[in-house]
Amino acid sequence: MLKYRAEDYASLCALTYLDIPEYRKGMLFSTYVEQCFLKGCKENEFYQRLHEYVMKQNFYEFMDLEIVNYVNENNHSGLVFYQLEDKNDCYLIYRGSELYDAVNHENGWEDWLDNLEIWLGITNQQLRAMKYFNELNTQKRLHLIGHSKGGNIALFLGVACSDEKMSQIDEIVTFNAPGINDDMMMQYKKRIQDIHFKNKILCIENENDPISSMFSHVKEPVLVSSIYKGASVEEAYHSHQIWAYEKKDGYFVSAAKKSILPRLADLVSNHFVNLLDEENKKKFVHKFMEYCQNDCSLEEMYHVVLYNIGIHQNLLSEDEDFRSVEIQTLLSLFQKEMKEKVISIPESVKASFDEVKSKVEGWVNQVGKKQ
């Protein structure tokens, strides 16, 4: 049973993307909200949409909460979270990944480098969050809440914390959060399979969000309809954001299943990358880390994707047991995005991609024959 509505927690997650302009320990949440409403927003599409969303929300339920701690490591680890408290409860709300800020240099690629590390093990942000969590000296009930990478951190804390801390956790609520890697699923298998632990978790995902389809689910998510169709990469990006959940009379509208692009993300992340051995997985991840550190354009990122699929395509086998998904539709949609975003693709890379395309079409034909 949630202390507040999931829709209200989503509003809190949105607000945590806005820095506290004049933070002082013990300030009331109402003061923070007033600062945010008066300050306006940055000249950036993300923050403009975020600010529009925040301005429409009702934060009445939280106004008397005290901001006991505010951690902003944007220029260090990328970890940002807010600690709000009332008489009996402590709310830890974790911010998700932020856009690279090349103008004001308030945040760099730390978030995205850390995101890539999820494939390889426990990340720096997760460790930093655990450090603060272990140092938390309170007997109050704990509520861990987060959007995107913030939700991933909330899940990690619940999965990896001590039994003592676990007994204090009342609920873990995540929005469009990626799961955790397979090694962690095995390492903390006992905790993850504990029914009492699962009952504390609520994972909410947008039907068109690809990010939350990556890595392993700790608990099956509740799917919510999107205000965007999700028929393109741009719409999938917007569907990932906290403002993209469809509501009716103030409540989320449920959805039946994930759409095409999220299934593509699942295919690449949970099948293609997980087929690689440790050495090749590190090479694959480090290639994308190079992208983050060299300020490449979106078009060049597509080249990186194609190149890496090309050099690793020999590791794919026709005998691999892939989940039954609409592979041909996914491939066609991905190719459509390629044509829209990429002006020219090197012939060597295109040849590698064509080989992968041919192999995937072979899988589709085999699946069709078996059916």
Protein backbone atom coordinates (compact mmCIF):
# COMPACT_ATOMS: atom_id res chain seq x y z
CA MET A 1 0.00 0.00 0.00
CA LEU A 2 1.61 3.27 -1.13
CA LYS A 3 1.86 6.17 1.31
CA TYR A 4 0.91 8.51 -1.54
CA ARG A 5 -0.44 7.93 -5.04
CA ALA A 6 1.99 6.79 -7.73
CA GLU A 7 0.93 9.82 -9.77
CA ASP A 8 2.07 12.09 -6.92
CA TYR A 9 5.42 10.33 -6.66
CA ALA A 10 5.88 10.90 -10.40
CA SER A 11 5.42 14.62 -9.76
CA LEU A 12 8.15 14.49 -7.09
CA CYS A 13 10.47 12.80 -9.57
CA ALA A 14 9.85 15.58 -12.09
CA LEU A 15 10.65 18.25 -9.53
CA THR A 16 13.98 16.65 -8.61
CA TYR A 17 15.33 17.49 -12.08
CA LEU A 18 15.26 21.13 -11.03
CA ASP A 19 18.14 22.19 -8.77
CA ILE A 20 17.35 23.84 -5.45
CA PRO A 21 18.46 27.44 -6.11
CA GLU A 22 19.02 28.48 -2.50
CA TYR A 23 19.18 25.32 -0.42
CA ARG A 24 19.54 25.43 3.34
CA LYS A 25 19.32 22.41 5.61
CA GLY A 26 15.85 21.96 7.06
CA MET A 27 14.01 24.18 4.56
CA LEU A 28 10.39 23.27 3.89
CA PHE A 29 9.47 21.59 0.64
CA SER A 30 6.97 24.40 0.01
CA THR A 31 9.88 26.89 -0.12
CA TYR A 32 11.62 24.81 -2.76
CA VAL A 33 8.46 24.58 -4.87
CA GLU A 34 8.02 28.34 -4.65
CA GLN A 35 11.63 28.92 -5.76
CA CYS A 36 11.18 26.61 -8.77
CA PHE A 37 7.94 28.23 -9.85
CA LEU A 38 9.40 31.73 -9.63
CA LYS A 39 12.74 30.99 -11.26
CA GLY A 40 11.46 29.83 -14.63
CA CYS A 41 13.37 27.33 -16.77
CA LYS A 42 16.47 26.99 -18.91
CA GLU A 43 16.34 27.56 -22.66
CA ASN A 44 16.25 23.87 -23.44
CA GLU A 45 13.37 21.76 -24.77
CA PHE A 46 13.71 19.18 -21.99
CA TYR A 47 13.54 21.76 -19.20
CA GLN A 48 10.77 23.70 -20.92
CA ARG A 49 8.57 20.61 -21.13
CA LEU A 50 9.56 19.64 -17.60
CA HIS A 51 8.71 23.08 -16.25
CA GLU A 52 5.33 23.05 -18.03
CA TYR A 53 4.59 19.67 -16.45
CA VAL A 54 5.70 20.75 -12.96
CA MET A 55 3.60 23.92 -13.12
CA LYS A 56 0.47 21.78 -13.64
CA GLN A 57 1.10 19.48 -10.66
CA ASN A 58 -0.44 19.74 -7.20
CA PHE A 59 2.20 19.33 -4.49
CA TYR A 60 -0.22 20.02 -1.65
CA GLU A 61 0.41 16.64 0.04
CA PHE A 62 4.15 17.29 0.34
CA MET A 63 4.26 20.98 1.25
CA ASP A 64 5.01 20.46 4.97
CA LEU A 65 7.83 17.97 4.38
CA GLU A 66 11.29 19.07 5.47
CA ILE A 67 14.26 18.85 3.09
CA VAL A 68 16.74 17.19 5.44
CA ASN A 69 19.43 16.61 2.82
CA TYR A 70 20.15 17.59 -0.78
CA VAL A 71 23.04 15.90 -2.56
CA ASN A 72 24.07 17.21 -5.98
CA GLU A 73 27.22 15.61 -7.43
CA ASN A 74 26.67 16.74 -11.01
CA ASN A 75 30.35 17.68 -11.37
CA HIS A 76 31.58 14.51 -9.69
CA SER A 77 29.66 11.23 -9.88
CA GLY A 78 26.43 12.55 -11.41
CA LEU A 79 24.41 11.38 -8.39
CA VAL A 80 21.59 13.73 -7.32
CA PHE A 81 18.97 12.97 -4.69
CA TYR A 82 16.63 14.69 -2.23
CA GLN A 83 15.86 13.51 1.31
CA LEU A 84 12.42 14.66 2.50
CA GLU A 85 11.01 13.84 5.93
CA ASP A 86 7.96 14.20 8.10
CA LYS A 87 7.39 12.87 11.61
CA ASN A 88 7.38 9.18 10.71
CA ASP A 89 8.68 8.82 7.16
CA CYS A 90 11.82 9.51 5.12
CA TYR A 91 11.57 9.88 1.34
CA LEU A 92 14.68 9.46 -0.82
CA ILE A 93 14.01 10.67 -4.36
CA TYR A 94 16.73 9.99 -6.96
CA ARG A 95 17.17 12.04 -10.12
CA GLY A 96 17.64 10.24 -13.43
CA SER A 97 20.24 10.87 -16.12
CA GLU A 98 20.54 14.43 -17.35
CA LEU A 99 21.29 15.82 -20.77
CA TYR A 100 24.87 16.78 -21.54
CA ASP A 101 25.19 20.51 -20.88
CA ALA A 102 27.77 21.95 -23.27
CA VAL A 103 26.72 25.56 -22.64
CA ASN A 104 26.73 26.04 -18.88
CA HIS A 105 28.86 22.95 -18.06
CA GLU A 106 26.64 22.17 -15.08
CA ASN A 107 26.70 18.48 -15.95
CA GLY A 108 28.74 16.38 -18.35
CA TRP A 109 28.77 12.76 -19.48
CA GLU A 110 29.07 11.28 -15.95
CA ASP A 111 25.46 10.01 -16.01
CA TRP A 112 25.83 8.31 -19.37
CA LEU A 113 29.21 6.75 -18.66
CA ASP A 114 27.71 5.38 -15.47
CA ASN A 115 24.69 4.03 -17.36
CA LEU A 116 26.98 2.04 -19.66
CA GLU A 117 28.71 0.52 -16.64
CA ILE A 118 25.46 -1.28 -15.73
CA TRP A 119 26.39 -3.87 -18.36
CA LEU A 120 29.68 -4.57 -16.60
CA GLY A 121 28.76 -4.54 -12.90
CA ILE A 122 27.99 -2.21 -10.00
CA THR A 123 28.43 1.43 -11.03
CA ASN A 124 30.00 4.42 -9.31
CA GLN A 125 26.65 6.15 -8.83
CA GLN A 126 25.19 3.03 -7.25
CA LEU A 127 28.14 2.82 -4.85
CA ARG A 128 27.90 6.53 -3.97
CA ALA A 129 24.17 6.15 -3.32
CA MET A 130 24.82 3.13 -1.08
CA LYS A 131 27.43 5.12 0.88
CA TYR A 132 24.86 7.83 1.71
CA PHE A 133 22.20 5.17 2.37
CA ASN A 134 24.41 3.32 4.85
CA GLU A 135 25.21 6.60 6.63
CA LEU A 136 21.51 7.41 6.98
CA ASN A 137 20.82 7.44 10.72
CA THR A 138 17.07 7.32 11.19
CA GLN A 139 14.44 4.96 12.54
CA LYS A 140 11.78 6.33 10.21
CA ARG A 141 10.10 4.32 7.48
CA LEU A 142 12.05 4.59 4.22
CA HIS A 143 10.54 5.27 0.80
CA LEU A 144 12.89 4.95 -2.22
CA ILE A 145 11.63 6.67 -5.37
CA GLY A 146 13.23 7.46 -8.71
CA HIS A 147 12.81 8.02 -12.44
CA SER A 148 15.07 6.39 -15.07
CA LYS A 149 18.58 5.90 -13.62
CA GLY A 150 17.18 7.26 -10.34
CA GLY A 151 14.77 4.32 -10.28
CA ASN A 152 17.63 1.95 -11.06
CA ILE A 153 19.51 3.32 -8.03
CA ALA A 154 16.43 2.89 -5.83
CA LEU A 155 16.16 -0.75 -6.95
CA PHE A 156 19.87 -1.35 -6.39
CA LEU A 157 19.66 -0.02 -2.82
CA GLY A 158 16.72 -2.31 -2.11
CA VAL A 159 18.44 -5.33 -3.62
CA ALA A 160 21.90 -4.83 -2.08
CA CYS A 161 21.27 -3.13 1.29
CA SER A 162 21.63 -4.82 4.69
CA ASP A 163 18.76 -6.79 6.24
CA GLU A 164 18.46 -4.07 8.88
CA LYS A 165 17.95 -1.35 6.26
CA MET A 166 15.66 -3.66 4.28
CA SER A 167 13.36 -3.99 7.31
CA GLN A 168 13.00 -0.17 7.34
CA ILE A 169 12.05 0.12 3.67
CA ASP A 170 8.33 0.62 3.25
CA GLU A 171 8.21 0.93 -0.53
CA ILE A 172 10.32 1.27 -3.68
CA VAL A 173 8.60 3.09 -6.55
CA THR A 174 10.29 3.47 -9.93
CA PHE A 175 9.32 5.16 -13.19
CA ASN A 176 10.81 4.01 -16.54
CA ALA A 177 13.82 2.57 -14.73
CA PRO A 178 16.27 0.17 -16.42
CA GLY A 179 16.64 -3.14 -14.60
CA ILE A 180 19.80 -4.63 -13.16
CA ASN A 181 22.41 -6.79 -14.86
CA ASP A 182 22.37 -10.59 -14.84
CA ASP A 183 25.36 -10.92 -12.49
CA MET A 184 23.57 -8.85 -9.87
CA MET A 185 20.40 -10.89 -10.38
CA MET A 186 22.39 -13.99 -9.46
CA GLN A 187 24.36 -12.38 -6.62
CA TYR A 188 21.22 -11.10 -4.88
CA LYS A 189 18.93 -13.90 -6.00
CA LYS A 190 17.68 -14.69 -2.48
CA ARG A 191 16.60 -11.08 -1.82
CA ILE A 192 15.07 -10.64 -5.28
CA GLN A 193 12.98 -13.81 -4.97
CA ASP A 194 11.76 -12.93 -1.47
CA ILE A 195 8.01 -12.33 -1.70
CA HIS A 196 8.10 -9.76 1.13
CA PHE A 197 10.69 -7.76 -0.82
CA LYS A 198 8.71 -7.97 -4.06
CA ASN A 199 5.59 -6.73 -2.29
CA LYS A 200 7.42 -3.49 -1.48
CA ILE A 201 8.17 -2.74 -5.13
CA LEU A 202 6.12 -0.91 -7.75
CA CYS A 203 7.76 -0.49 -11.17
CA ILE A 204 5.83 1.75 -13.58
CA GLU A 205 6.77 1.90 -17.25
CA ASN A 206 5.55 3.81 -20.28
CA GLU A 207 4.34 1.49 -23.05
CA ASN A 208 6.67 3.19 -25.57
CA ASP A 209 9.73 3.60 -23.35
CA PRO A 210 12.83 1.65 -24.52
CA ILE A 211 15.10 2.40 -21.54
CA SER A 212 13.05 0.41 -19.03
CA SER A 213 13.18 -2.59 -21.38
CA MET A 214 16.93 -2.86 -20.83
CA PHE A 215 18.45 -5.34 -18.34
CA SER A 216 16.54 -7.71 -16.03
CA HIS A 217 13.35 -6.83 -14.20
CA VAL A 218 13.34 -7.26 -10.44
CA LYS A 219 9.54 -7.32 -10.62
CA GLU A 220 7.11 -7.28 -13.53
CA PRO A 221 6.19 -3.66 -14.29
CA VAL A 222 2.84 -1.93 -14.47
CA LEU A 223 2.45 -0.50 -17.97
CA VAL A 224 0.94 2.95 -18.57
CA SER A 225 -0.24 4.43 -21.87
CA SER A 226 1.87 7.12 -23.51
CA ILE A 227 0.80 10.53 -24.77
CA TYR A 228 3.21 9.90 -27.67
CA LYS A 229 2.67 7.26 -30.36
CA GLY A 230 6.21 5.89 -30.11
CA ALA A 231 6.55 5.35 -33.87
CA SER A 232 9.99 7.00 -34.04
CA VAL A 233 13.15 7.28 -31.98
CA GLU A 234 12.25 10.87 -31.09
CA GLU A 235 8.82 9.84 -29.78
CA ALA A 236 10.40 6.96 -27.86
CA TYR A 237 12.78 9.46 -26.26
CA HIS A 238 9.87 11.67 -25.20
CA SER A 239 7.98 8.61 -23.93
CA HIS A 240 10.83 7.97 -21.52
CA GLN A 241 10.29 11.31 -19.79
CA ILE A 242 8.20 11.66 -16.65
CA TRP A 243 5.64 13.93 -18.34
CA ALA A 244 4.70 11.37 -21.01
CA TYR A 245 2.33 9.17 -18.96
CA GLU A 246 -1.28 9.42 -20.08
CA LYS A 247 -3.74 10.36 -17.34
CA LYS A 248 -7.49 10.38 -17.03
CA ASP A 249 -9.10 12.24 -14.12
CA GLY A 250 -5.64 12.51 -12.56
CA TYR A 251 -4.85 8.77 -12.67
CA PHE A 252 -2.55 6.79 -14.98
CA VAL A 253 -4.18 5.00 -17.92
CA SER A 254 -3.08 1.37 -18.13
CA ALA A 255 -1.58 -0.23 -21.26
CA ALA A 256 -1.57 -3.86 -22.38
CA LYS A 257 1.99 -4.34 -23.67
CA LYS A 258 5.18 -2.63 -24.77
CA SER A 259 5.35 -1.34 -28.34
CA ILE A 260 7.90 -2.01 -31.08
CA LEU A 261 10.88 0.21 -30.17
CA PRO A 262 11.03 -0.99 -26.53
CA ARG A 263 11.15 -4.55 -27.86
CA LEU A 264 14.05 -3.54 -30.08
CA ALA A 265 15.85 -2.19 -26.99
CA ASP A 266 15.18 -5.50 -25.25
CA LEU A 267 16.56 -7.42 -28.23
CA VAL A 268 19.80 -5.40 -28.40
CA SER A 269 20.42 -5.10 -24.65
CA ASN A 270 19.24 -8.41 -23.26
CA HIS A 271 20.06 -10.67 -26.19
CA PHE A 272 22.72 -9.26 -28.50
CA VAL A 273 24.97 -7.71 -25.83
CA ASN A 274 24.42 -10.55 -23.38
CA LEU A 275 25.61 -13.04 -26.02
CA LEU A 276 29.06 -11.47 -25.93
CA ASP A 277 31.77 -12.89 -23.71
CA GLU A 278 33.23 -10.60 -21.03
CA GLU A 279 36.11 -9.37 -23.18
CA ASN A 280 33.90 -8.45 -26.15
CA LYS A 281 31.23 -6.98 -23.88
CA LYS A 282 33.84 -4.63 -22.41
CA LYS A 283 35.01 -3.65 -25.91
CA PHE A 284 31.42 -2.98 -26.95
CA VAL A 285 30.67 -0.83 -23.88
CA HIS A 286 33.98 1.02 -24.01
CA LYS A 287 33.31 1.98 -27.64
CA PHE A 288 30.17 3.80 -26.52
CA MET A 289 32.08 5.39 -23.66
CA GLU A 290 34.42 6.82 -26.28
CA TYR A 291 31.38 8.30 -28.01
CA CYS A 292 30.26 10.01 -24.80
CA GLN A 293 33.69 11.49 -24.20
CA ASN A 294 34.19 12.82 -27.74
CA ASP A 295 30.99 14.81 -28.24
CA CYS A 296 29.96 12.97 -31.40
CA SER A 297 26.75 13.90 -33.18
CA LEU A 298 23.62 11.73 -33.21
CA GLU A 299 24.37 10.73 -36.83
CA GLU A 300 27.82 9.54 -35.82
CA MET A 301 26.26 7.55 -32.98
CA TYR A 302 24.33 5.52 -35.56
CA HIS A 303 27.65 4.77 -37.25
CA VAL A 304 29.00 3.52 -33.94
CA VAL A 305 25.95 1.26 -33.48
CA LEU A 306 26.31 -0.22 -36.96
CA TYR A 307 30.06 -0.62 -36.65
CA ASN A 308 29.83 -2.52 -33.37
CA ILE A 309 27.04 -4.78 -34.57
CA GLY A 310 29.17 -5.45 -37.64
CA ILE A 311 32.37 -6.43 -35.81
CA HIS A 312 30.50 -8.65 -33.36
CA GLN A 313 28.04 -10.20 -35.81
CA ASN A 314 30.22 -13.32 -36.20
CA LEU A 315 29.34 -14.17 -32.58
CA LEU A 316 25.67 -14.50 -33.44
CA SER A 317 24.45 -17.98 -34.25
CA GLU A 318 21.37 -19.11 -36.10
CA ASP A 319 20.91 -21.68 -33.34
CA GLU A 320 20.45 -19.06 -30.60
CA ASP A 321 17.04 -19.26 -28.99
CA PHE A 322 15.72 -15.72 -29.37
CA ARG A 323 12.47 -14.64 -27.77
CA SER A 324 9.52 -14.66 -30.16
CA VAL A 325 9.31 -10.99 -31.15
CA GLU A 326 8.38 -9.23 -34.35
CA ILE A 327 12.00 -9.18 -35.55
CA GLN A 328 11.22 -8.27 -39.14
CA THR A 329 9.04 -5.32 -38.09
CA LEU A 330 11.71 -4.16 -35.65
CA LEU A 331 14.38 -4.33 -38.31
CA SER A 332 12.29 -2.42 -40.84
CA LEU A 333 11.56 0.29 -38.30
CA PHE A 334 15.21 0.55 -37.33
CA GLN A 335 16.22 0.85 -40.99
CA LYS A 336 13.65 3.61 -41.48
CA GLU A 337 15.22 5.55 -38.60
CA MET A 338 18.65 5.01 -40.13
CA LYS A 339 17.60 6.56 -43.43
CA GLU A 340 16.14 9.57 -41.64
CA LYS A 341 19.14 10.21 -39.39
CA VAL A 342 22.19 9.15 -41.36
CA ILE A 343 23.26 11.02 -44.47
CA SER A 344 25.90 8.50 -45.55
CA ILE A 345 27.12 5.21 -44.15
CA PRO A 346 30.62 3.90 -44.97
CA GLU A 347 30.45 0.96 -47.38
CA SER A 348 32.42 -1.31 -45.04
CA VAL A 349 29.98 -0.66 -42.21
CA LYS A 350 26.97 -0.97 -44.51
CA ALA A 351 28.24 -4.36 -45.69
CA SER A 352 28.49 -5.60 -42.10
CA PHE A 353 24.98 -4.36 -41.36
CA ASP A 354 23.64 -6.08 -44.48
CA GLU A 355 25.17 -9.36 -43.24
CA VAL A 356 23.40 -8.96 -39.90
CA LYS A 357 20.17 -8.09 -41.71
CA SER A 358 20.45 -11.26 -43.77
CA LYS A 359 21.08 -13.37 -40.65
CA VAL A 360 18.09 -11.84 -38.84
CA GLU A 361 15.87 -12.49 -41.85
CA GLY A 362 17.04 -16.10 -41.67
CA TRP A 363 15.90 -16.30 -38.04
CA VAL A 364 12.52 -14.88 -39.03
CA ASN A 365 12.10 -17.49 -41.75
CA GLN A 366 13.03 -20.28 -39.34
CA VAL A 367 10.56 -19.06 -36.75
CA GLY A 368 7.89 -18.91 -39.46
CA LYS A 369 8.58 -22.52 -40.51
CA LYS A 370 8.42 -23.78 -36.91
CA GLN A 371 5.07 -22.06 -36.40
